[in-house]
Amino acid sequence: MTTIGLIRHGITEWNTLGKAQGLSDIPLNEIGKQQALALANRLSLEDKWDMIVTSNLSRAIETAEIISSKLDVSITHIDERIREINYGDIVGTTEQERIEKWGSNWSELNLGMEKHEDVARRGIEFIREISLTYPEKRVLLVSHGSLIGLTLEHLLPERFQMTLINNTSVTILENIENKWECTLFNCTAHLEQKVN
């Protein structure tokens, strides 16, 4: 059985402002660093993880590095396939700004955004590759909200029709006899505890 822990990076300044980040390389803010440390503390008290893989964007790498340091588990892969959706022309804008610029139906326009199906495809292919390459391992995968959510919606459509993935949340996937099961979804219990 392969176990994959899907982790969304800690919060950034653009997250707090409601701006679409996409492929922009926005770092964690101080709260995001504290969230990542709280998550690392939580993970250190749970079952051991064998390895960490992360998106190539700095907010994910920084989250992974904080976890790696606390757990003494190596980051073995930095991979652009699990980076965030390409938001095209809407990068750096808020919902209100998008409505003002393109109208309330902005999401129906061709604004250079990556198709959801393509995001899900690369997420699913990466997870399957990790599962085949590292059978019986426990792998933490540090990524982004849209990548994780769209991957879940397409991998397990009977369970997930629409997802909202919180910063530093933990979602656990287990591959049992070539079938994926989600045993924990979007858990942020660590954010309710004091950071040490």
C-alpha atoms as a PDB file:
ATOM      1  CA  MET A   1       0.000   0.000   0.000  1.00  0.00           C
ATOM      2  CA  THR A   2       1.354   3.409  -1.015  1.00  0.00           C
ATOM      3  CA  THR A   3       0.289   6.362   1.113  1.00  0.00           C
ATOM      4  CA  ILE A   4       0.450   9.911  -0.194  1.00  0.00           C
ATOM      5  CA  GLY A   5      -0.037  12.927   2.034  1.00  0.00           C
ATOM      6  CA  LEU A   6      -1.176  15.903  -0.022  1.00  0.00           C
ATOM      7  CA  ILE A   7      -0.129  19.178   1.613  1.00  0.00           C
ATOM      8  CA  ARG A   8      -1.068  22.658   0.445  1.00  0.00           C
ATOM      9  CA  HIS A   9       1.649  25.251   1.065  1.00  0.00           C
ATOM     10  CA  GLY A  10       1.386  27.825   3.854  1.00  0.00           C
ATOM     11  CA  ILE A  11      -0.370  31.130   3.314  1.00  0.00           C
ATOM     12  CA  THR A  12       1.173  33.982   1.316  1.00  0.00           C
ATOM     13  CA  GLU A  13       0.467  37.698   1.160  1.00  0.00           C
ATOM     14  CA  TRP A  14      -1.408  37.213  -2.105  1.00  0.00           C
ATOM     15  CA  ASN A  15      -3.562  34.542  -0.448  1.00  0.00           C
ATOM     16  CA  THR A  16      -4.558  37.027   2.255  1.00  0.00           C
ATOM     17  CA  LEU A  17      -5.372  39.663  -0.386  1.00  0.00           C
ATOM     18  CA  GLY A  18      -7.440  37.214  -2.459  1.00  0.00           C
ATOM     19  CA  LYS A  19      -5.176  37.527  -5.504  1.00  0.00           C
ATOM     20  CA  ALA A  20      -4.819  34.705  -8.023  1.00  0.00           C
ATOM     21  CA  GLN A  21      -1.232  33.446  -7.734  1.00  0.00           C
ATOM     22  CA  GLY A  22      -0.900  30.756 -10.363  1.00  0.00           C
ATOM     23  CA  LEU A  23       2.712  30.389 -11.458  1.00  0.00           C
ATOM     24  CA  SER A  24       3.823  33.644  -9.792  1.00  0.00           C
ATOM     25  CA  ASP A  25       6.561  32.772  -7.327  1.00  0.00           C
ATOM     26  CA  ILE A  26       5.114  34.356  -4.194  1.00  0.00           C
ATOM     27  CA  PRO A  27       6.882  33.403  -0.911  1.00  0.00           C
ATOM     28  CA  LEU A  28       5.258  32.456   2.365  1.00  0.00           C
ATOM     29  CA  ASN A  29       4.436  35.330   4.693  1.00  0.00           C
ATOM     30  CA  GLU A  30       5.136  35.096   8.428  1.00  0.00           C
ATOM     31  CA  ILE A  31       1.777  33.468   9.145  1.00  0.00           C
ATOM     32  CA  GLY A  32       2.471  30.928   6.389  1.00  0.00           C
ATOM     33  CA  LYS A  33       5.793  30.034   8.006  1.00  0.00           C
ATOM     34  CA  GLN A  34       4.052  29.575  11.365  1.00  0.00           C
ATOM     35  CA  GLN A  35       1.414  27.384   9.717  1.00  0.00           C
ATOM     36  CA  ALA A  36       4.110  25.227   8.132  1.00  0.00           C
ATOM     37  CA  LEU A  37       5.846  24.839  11.492  1.00  0.00           C
ATOM     38  CA  ALA A  38       2.568  23.874  13.167  1.00  0.00           C
ATOM     39  CA  LEU A  39       2.031  21.276  10.458  1.00  0.00           C
ATOM     40  CA  ALA A  40       5.590  19.975  10.844  1.00  0.00           C
ATOM     41  CA  ASN A  41       5.076  19.632  14.604  1.00  0.00           C
ATOM     42  CA  ARG A  42       1.869  17.706  13.998  1.00  0.00           C
ATOM     43  CA  LEU A  43       3.467  15.374  11.455  1.00  0.00           C
ATOM     44  CA  SER A  44       6.375  14.677  13.811  1.00  0.00           C
ATOM     45  CA  LEU A  45       3.900  13.133  16.269  1.00  0.00           C
ATOM     46  CA  GLU A  46       2.165  10.937  13.680  1.00  0.00           C
ATOM     47  CA  ASP A  47       3.263   7.983  11.548  1.00  0.00           C
ATOM     48  CA  LYS A  48       6.686   8.386   9.957  1.00  0.00           C
ATOM     49  CA  TRP A  49       6.990   9.573   6.359  1.00  0.00           C
ATOM     50  CA  ASP A  50       9.640   8.209   4.015  1.00  0.00           C
ATOM     51  CA  MET A  51      10.166  11.107   1.630  1.00  0.00           C
ATOM     52  CA  ILE A  52       8.945  14.537   0.542  1.00  0.00           C
ATOM     53  CA  VAL A  53       8.265  15.763  -2.986  1.00  0.00           C
ATOM     54  CA  THR A  54       7.364  19.365  -3.753  1.00  0.00           C
ATOM     55  CA  SER A  55       6.295  21.775  -6.437  1.00  0.00           C
ATOM     56  CA  ASN A  56       9.035  23.987  -7.833  1.00  0.00           C
ATOM     57  CA  LEU A  57       7.384  27.207  -6.632  1.00  0.00           C
ATOM     58  CA  SER A  58       9.034  28.826  -3.598  1.00  0.00           C
ATOM     59  CA  ARG A  59       5.932  28.832  -1.362  1.00  0.00           C
ATOM     60  CA  ALA A  60       5.751  25.035  -1.685  1.00  0.00           C
ATOM     61  CA  ILE A  61       9.511  24.520  -1.401  1.00  0.00           C
ATOM     62  CA  GLU A  62       9.652  26.642   1.754  1.00  0.00           C
ATOM     63  CA  THR A  63       6.776  24.692   3.306  1.00  0.00           C
ATOM     64  CA  ALA A  64       8.507  21.422   2.379  1.00  0.00           C
ATOM     65  CA  GLU A  65      11.824  22.617   3.852  1.00  0.00           C
ATOM     66  CA  ILE A  66      10.201  23.459   7.198  1.00  0.00           C
ATOM     67  CA  ILE A  67       8.577  20.010   7.287  1.00  0.00           C
ATOM     68  CA  SER A  68      11.793  18.294   6.151  1.00  0.00           C
ATOM     69  CA  SER A  69      13.838  19.951   8.887  1.00  0.00           C
ATOM     70  CA  LYS A  70      11.416  18.984  11.663  1.00  0.00           C
ATOM     71  CA  LEU A  71      10.857  15.415  10.456  1.00  0.00           C
ATOM     72  CA  ASP A  72      14.451  14.794   9.329  1.00  0.00           C
ATOM     73  CA  VAL A  73      13.048  13.474   6.046  1.00  0.00           C
ATOM     74  CA  SER A  74      14.677  14.423   2.743  1.00  0.00           C
ATOM     75  CA  ILE A  75      13.084  16.358  -0.082  1.00  0.00           C
ATOM     76  CA  THR A  76      13.802  13.902  -2.881  1.00  0.00           C
ATOM     77  CA  HIS A  77      12.022  15.597  -5.798  1.00  0.00           C
ATOM     78  CA  ILE A  78      11.238  19.177  -6.830  1.00  0.00           C
ATOM     79  CA  ASP A  79       8.890  18.887  -9.777  1.00  0.00           C
ATOM     80  CA  GLU A  80       7.065  21.467 -11.891  1.00  0.00           C
ATOM     81  CA  ARG A  81       4.341  18.963 -12.756  1.00  0.00           C
ATOM     82  CA  ILE A  82       2.741  19.534  -9.352  1.00  0.00           C
ATOM     83  CA  ARG A  83       2.933  23.321  -9.403  1.00  0.00           C
ATOM     84  CA  GLU A  84      -0.183  25.484  -9.385  1.00  0.00           C
ATOM     85  CA  ILE A  85      -2.583  26.027 -12.273  1.00  0.00           C
ATOM     86  CA  ASN A  86      -1.473  28.583 -14.850  1.00  0.00           C
ATOM     87  CA  TYR A  87      -3.987  31.403 -14.353  1.00  0.00           C
ATOM     88  CA  GLY A  88      -3.013  33.301 -17.498  1.00  0.00           C
ATOM     89  CA  ASP A  89      -4.237  36.897 -17.622  1.00  0.00           C
ATOM     90  CA  ILE A  90      -5.923  36.839 -14.197  1.00  0.00           C
ATOM     91  CA  VAL A  91      -2.668  36.438 -12.235  1.00  0.00           C
ATOM     92  CA  GLY A  92      -2.341  39.125  -9.579  1.00  0.00           C
ATOM     93  CA  THR A  93      -6.024  40.099  -9.660  1.00  0.00           C
ATOM     94  CA  THR A  94      -8.794  39.781  -7.092  1.00  0.00           C
ATOM     95  CA  GLU A  95     -12.316  38.623  -7.918  1.00  0.00           C
ATOM     96  CA  GLN A  96     -13.548  42.227  -7.786  1.00  0.00           C
ATOM     97  CA  GLU A  97     -10.793  43.379 -10.148  1.00  0.00           C
ATOM     98  CA  ARG A  98     -11.663  40.597 -12.587  1.00  0.00           C
ATOM     99  CA  ILE A  99     -15.321  41.605 -12.586  1.00  0.00           C
ATOM    100  CA  GLU A 100     -14.398  45.249 -13.146  1.00  0.00           C
ATOM    101  CA  LYS A 101     -12.031  44.399 -16.009  1.00  0.00           C
ATOM    102  CA  TRP A 102     -13.843  41.564 -17.823  1.00  0.00           C
ATOM    103  CA  GLY A 103     -17.356  41.460 -16.352  1.00  0.00           C
ATOM    104  CA  SER A 104     -19.084  38.965 -14.065  1.00  0.00           C
ATOM    105  CA  ASN A 105     -18.729  36.175 -16.640  1.00  0.00           C
ATOM    106  CA  TRP A 106     -14.922  36.532 -16.731  1.00  0.00           C
ATOM    107  CA  SER A 107     -14.465  32.799 -16.001  1.00  0.00           C
ATOM    108  CA  GLU A 108     -16.189  31.943 -19.295  1.00  0.00           C
ATOM    109  CA  LEU A 109     -13.706  34.015 -21.318  1.00  0.00           C
ATOM    110  CA  ASN A 110     -10.476  32.804 -22.892  1.00  0.00           C
ATOM    111  CA  LEU A 111      -7.969  34.537 -20.624  1.00  0.00           C
ATOM    112  CA  GLY A 112      -5.104  32.119 -21.143  1.00  0.00           C
ATOM    113  CA  MET A 113      -5.933  29.917 -18.162  1.00  0.00           C
ATOM    114  CA  GLU A 114      -4.812  26.290 -18.067  1.00  0.00           C
ATOM    115  CA  LYS A 115      -7.729  23.894 -18.485  1.00  0.00           C
ATOM    116  CA  HIS A 116      -8.876  22.168 -15.309  1.00  0.00           C
ATOM    117  CA  GLU A 117      -8.708  18.778 -17.025  1.00  0.00           C
ATOM    118  CA  ASP A 118      -5.038  19.371 -17.868  1.00  0.00           C
ATOM    119  CA  VAL A 119      -4.210  20.330 -14.282  1.00  0.00           C
ATOM    120  CA  ALA A 120      -5.982  17.218 -12.982  1.00  0.00           C
ATOM    121  CA  ARG A 121      -4.236  15.026 -15.557  1.00  0.00           C
ATOM    122  CA  ARG A 122      -0.758  16.090 -14.511  1.00  0.00           C
ATOM    123  CA  GLY A 123      -1.659  15.697 -10.839  1.00  0.00           C
ATOM    124  CA  ILE A 124      -3.057  12.190 -11.334  1.00  0.00           C
ATOM    125  CA  GLU A 125      -0.152  11.112 -13.549  1.00  0.00           C
ATOM    126  CA  PHE A 126       2.341  12.315 -10.939  1.00  0.00           C
ATOM    127  CA  ILE A 127       0.576  10.522  -8.088  1.00  0.00           C
ATOM    128  CA  ARG A 128       0.395   7.299 -10.099  1.00  0.00           C
ATOM    129  CA  GLU A 129       4.072   7.587 -10.986  1.00  0.00           C
ATOM    130  CA  ILE A 130       5.050   8.050  -7.331  1.00  0.00           C
ATOM    131  CA  SER A 131       2.868   5.085  -6.360  1.00  0.00           C
ATOM    132  CA  LEU A 132       4.488   2.809  -8.970  1.00  0.00           C
ATOM    133  CA  THR A 133       8.038   4.002  -8.303  1.00  0.00           C
ATOM    134  CA  TYR A 134       7.800   3.862  -4.506  1.00  0.00           C
ATOM    135  CA  PRO A 135       5.392   1.062  -3.598  1.00  0.00           C
ATOM    136  CA  GLU A 136       4.729   0.594   0.106  1.00  0.00           C
ATOM    137  CA  LYS A 137       6.218   4.014   0.882  1.00  0.00           C
ATOM    138  CA  ARG A 138       4.669   6.992   2.682  1.00  0.00           C
ATOM    139  CA  VAL A 139       5.222  10.104   0.580  1.00  0.00           C
ATOM    140  CA  LEU A 140       4.423  13.729   1.437  1.00  0.00           C
ATOM    141  CA  LEU A 141       3.549  15.789  -1.629  1.00  0.00           C
ATOM    142  CA  VAL A 142       3.655  19.576  -1.075  1.00  0.00           C
ATOM    143  CA  SER A 143       1.654  21.393  -3.725  1.00  0.00           C
ATOM    144  CA  HIS A 144      -1.116  23.946  -4.323  1.00  0.00           C
ATOM    145  CA  GLY A 145      -4.848  24.321  -3.764  1.00  0.00           C
ATOM    146  CA  SER A 146      -6.081  24.032  -7.341  1.00  0.00           C
ATOM    147  CA  LEU A 147      -3.716  21.187  -8.232  1.00  0.00           C
ATOM    148  CA  ILE A 148      -4.752  19.160  -5.182  1.00  0.00           C
ATOM    149  CA  GLY A 149      -8.456  19.937  -5.500  1.00  0.00           C
ATOM    150  CA  LEU A 150      -8.728  19.240  -9.230  1.00  0.00           C
ATOM    151  CA  THR A 151      -6.695  16.052  -8.866  1.00  0.00           C
ATOM    152  CA  LEU A 152      -9.082  14.787  -6.185  1.00  0.00           C
ATOM    153  CA  GLU A 153     -12.158  15.748  -8.209  1.00  0.00           C
ATOM    154  CA  HIS A 154     -10.947  13.741 -11.215  1.00  0.00           C
ATOM    155  CA  LEU A 155      -9.327  10.864  -9.317  1.00  0.00           C
ATOM    156  CA  LEU A 156     -12.332  10.275  -7.026  1.00  0.00           C
ATOM    157  CA  PRO A 157     -15.289  11.975  -8.766  1.00  0.00           C
ATOM    158  CA  GLU A 158     -17.847   9.957  -6.826  1.00  0.00           C
ATOM    159  CA  ARG A 159     -16.624  11.615  -3.616  1.00  0.00           C
ATOM    160  CA  PHE A 160     -15.403  15.058  -4.703  1.00  0.00           C
ATOM    161  CA  GLN A 161     -17.470  17.255  -7.008  1.00  0.00           C
ATOM    162  CA  MET A 162     -16.043  20.547  -5.739  1.00  0.00           C
ATOM    163  CA  THR A 163     -13.163  21.049  -3.344  1.00  0.00           C
ATOM    164  CA  LEU A 164     -11.720  23.874  -1.283  1.00  0.00           C
ATOM    165  CA  ILE A 165      -8.221  23.142  -0.028  1.00  0.00           C
ATOM    166  CA  ASN A 166      -6.978  25.170   2.955  1.00  0.00           C
ATOM    167  CA  ASN A 167      -3.399  26.308   3.481  1.00  0.00           C
ATOM    168  CA  THR A 168      -1.233  23.614   5.136  1.00  0.00           C
ATOM    169  CA  SER A 169      -4.138  21.174   5.129  1.00  0.00           C
ATOM    170  CA  VAL A 170      -3.429  17.432   5.056  1.00  0.00           C
ATOM    171  CA  THR A 171      -5.257  15.069   2.716  1.00  0.00           C
ATOM    172  CA  ILE A 172      -4.313  11.386   2.784  1.00  0.00           C
ATOM    173  CA  LEU A 173      -4.622   9.082  -0.229  1.00  0.00           C
ATOM    174  CA  GLU A 174      -3.987   5.359   0.035  1.00  0.00           C
ATOM    175  CA  ASN A 175      -3.493   3.055  -2.918  1.00  0.00           C
ATOM    176  CA  ILE A 176      -4.820  -0.354  -1.909  1.00  0.00           C
ATOM    177  CA  GLU A 177      -4.719  -3.015  -4.635  1.00  0.00           C
ATOM    178  CA  ASN A 178      -4.618  -0.358  -7.380  1.00  0.00           C
ATOM    179  CA  LYS A 179      -7.597   1.507  -5.954  1.00  0.00           C
ATOM    180  CA  TRP A 180      -7.313   4.966  -4.411  1.00  0.00           C
ATOM    181  CA  GLU A 181      -9.074   5.848  -1.178  1.00  0.00           C
ATOM    182  CA  CYS A 182      -9.096   9.199   0.622  1.00  0.00           C
ATOM    183  CA  THR A 183      -8.826   8.530   4.353  1.00  0.00           C
ATOM    184  CA  LEU A 184      -8.382  12.156   5.472  1.00  0.00           C
ATOM    185  CA  PHE A 185      -9.478  15.309   3.670  1.00  0.00           C
ATOM    186  CA  ASN A 186      -8.367  18.926   4.097  1.00  0.00           C
ATOM    187  CA  CYS A 187      -7.498  18.543   7.785  1.00  0.00           C
ATOM    188  CA  THR A 188      -6.084  21.622   9.544  1.00  0.00           C
ATOM    189  CA  ALA A 189      -6.336  20.466  13.158  1.00  0.00           C
ATOM    190  CA  HIS A 190      -2.721  21.585  13.712  1.00  0.00           C
ATOM    191  CA  LEU A 191      -3.708  25.221  13.145  1.00  0.00           C
ATOM    192  CA  GLU A 192      -5.901  25.121  16.230  1.00  0.00           C
ATOM    193  CA  GLN A 193      -2.907  24.308  18.435  1.00  0.00           C
ATOM    194  CA  LYS A 194      -0.164  26.596  19.669  1.00  0.00           C
ATOM    195  CA  VAL A 195       3.100  26.544  17.671  1.00  0.00           C
ATOM    196  CA  ASN A 196       6.118  25.475  19.753  1.00  0.00           C
END
